[in-house]
Protein backbone atom coordinates (compact mmCIF):
# COMPACT_ATOMS: atom_id res chain seq x y z
CA UNK A 1 6.76 33.68 -6.63
CA UNK A 2 6.95 31.08 -3.90
CA UNK A 3 9.28 31.22 -0.92
CA UNK A 4 12.08 28.79 -1.61
CA UNK A 5 12.01 25.67 0.35
CA UNK A 6 14.80 24.65 2.92
CA UNK A 7 16.34 21.60 1.52
CA UNK A 8 19.04 21.42 4.21
CA UNK A 9 19.25 18.38 6.63
CA UNK A 10 19.15 18.91 10.30
CA UNK A 11 22.56 18.94 11.74
CA UNK A 12 21.34 17.32 15.06
CA UNK A 13 19.55 13.80 15.25
CA UNK A 14 15.89 14.04 15.71
CA UNK A 15 15.92 12.19 19.04
CA UNK A 16 18.37 12.60 21.65
CA UNK A 17 20.38 9.73 23.26
CA UNK A 18 18.76 8.03 26.17
CA UNK A 19 21.07 8.10 29.26
CA UNK A 20 18.97 5.66 31.08
CA UNK A 21 21.06 2.85 32.16
CA UNK A 22 20.19 -0.41 30.44
CA UNK A 23 17.99 1.16 27.92
CA UNK A 24 18.13 -0.82 24.35
CA UNK A 25 19.77 -3.95 26.18
CA UNK A 26 18.95 -7.15 24.01
CA UNK A 27 16.09 -8.99 25.99
CA UNK A 28 17.90 -11.89 25.97
CA UNK A 29 19.75 -10.81 29.17
CA UNK A 30 17.79 -9.92 32.65
CA UNK A 31 15.84 -7.11 32.80
CA UNK A 32 18.14 -4.14 33.79
CA UNK A 33 15.97 -2.48 36.10
CA UNK A 34 12.22 -2.87 37.02
CA UNK A 35 11.37 0.47 35.21
CA UNK A 36 12.36 -1.29 32.01
CA UNK A 37 9.66 -2.71 29.17
CA UNK A 38 10.18 -5.42 26.97
CA UNK A 39 9.26 -4.48 23.34
CA UNK A 40 9.01 -7.40 21.10
CA UNK A 41 11.02 -7.04 17.54
CA UNK A 42 9.22 -6.76 14.37
CA UNK A 43 7.87 -9.60 12.35
CA UNK A 44 11.17 -9.39 10.18
CA UNK A 45 13.06 -11.16 12.75
CA UNK A 46 14.43 -7.96 14.68
CA UNK A 47 15.28 -9.30 18.45
CA UNK A 48 13.12 -7.90 21.49
CA UNK A 49 14.92 -5.44 23.93
CA UNK A 50 14.32 -3.45 27.04
CA UNK A 51 13.79 0.10 26.83
CA UNK A 52 13.02 2.79 29.41
CA UNK A 53 8.91 2.82 29.93
CA UNK A 54 8.35 6.63 29.54
CA UNK A 55 10.44 7.57 26.37
CA UNK A 56 11.88 4.86 24.39
CA UNK A 57 9.28 1.92 24.48
CA UNK A 58 6.89 3.92 22.57
CA UNK A 59 9.37 4.85 20.09
CA UNK A 60 10.84 1.27 19.72
CA UNK A 61 7.22 -0.02 19.08
CA UNK A 62 6.37 2.51 16.71
CA UNK A 63 9.60 1.45 14.80
CA UNK A 64 8.79 -2.08 15.17
CA UNK A 65 5.57 -1.47 13.48
CA UNK A 66 6.82 0.53 10.74
CA UNK A 67 9.20 -2.30 9.80
CA UNK A 68 6.41 -4.59 9.57
CA UNK A 69 4.71 -2.70 6.86
CA UNK A 70 4.87 -4.47 3.62
CA UNK A 71 5.43 -2.52 0.49
CA UNK A 72 4.07 -3.41 -2.98
CA UNK A 73 6.57 -4.29 -5.84
CA UNK A 74 6.24 -2.15 -8.85
CA UNK A 75 3.55 -3.19 -11.33
CA UNK A 76 1.66 -4.71 -8.39
CA UNK A 77 -2.21 -3.64 -7.42
């Protein structure tokens, strides 16, 4: 008999909240600090934001890349 799969969802968020001041600020505002990196929004029109360079900027870039992936509709090839 195979072991039972754990189907419960985690109770804590996958990513912890960033406490760097200004991280996630809309890029229409001035750069919050010189340690911030501007991350462009996705092609679907999401706006750019300022993120801390070490932790949040790579996550934001990956999320923008994922949002830009187009999916096929049913029946398409």
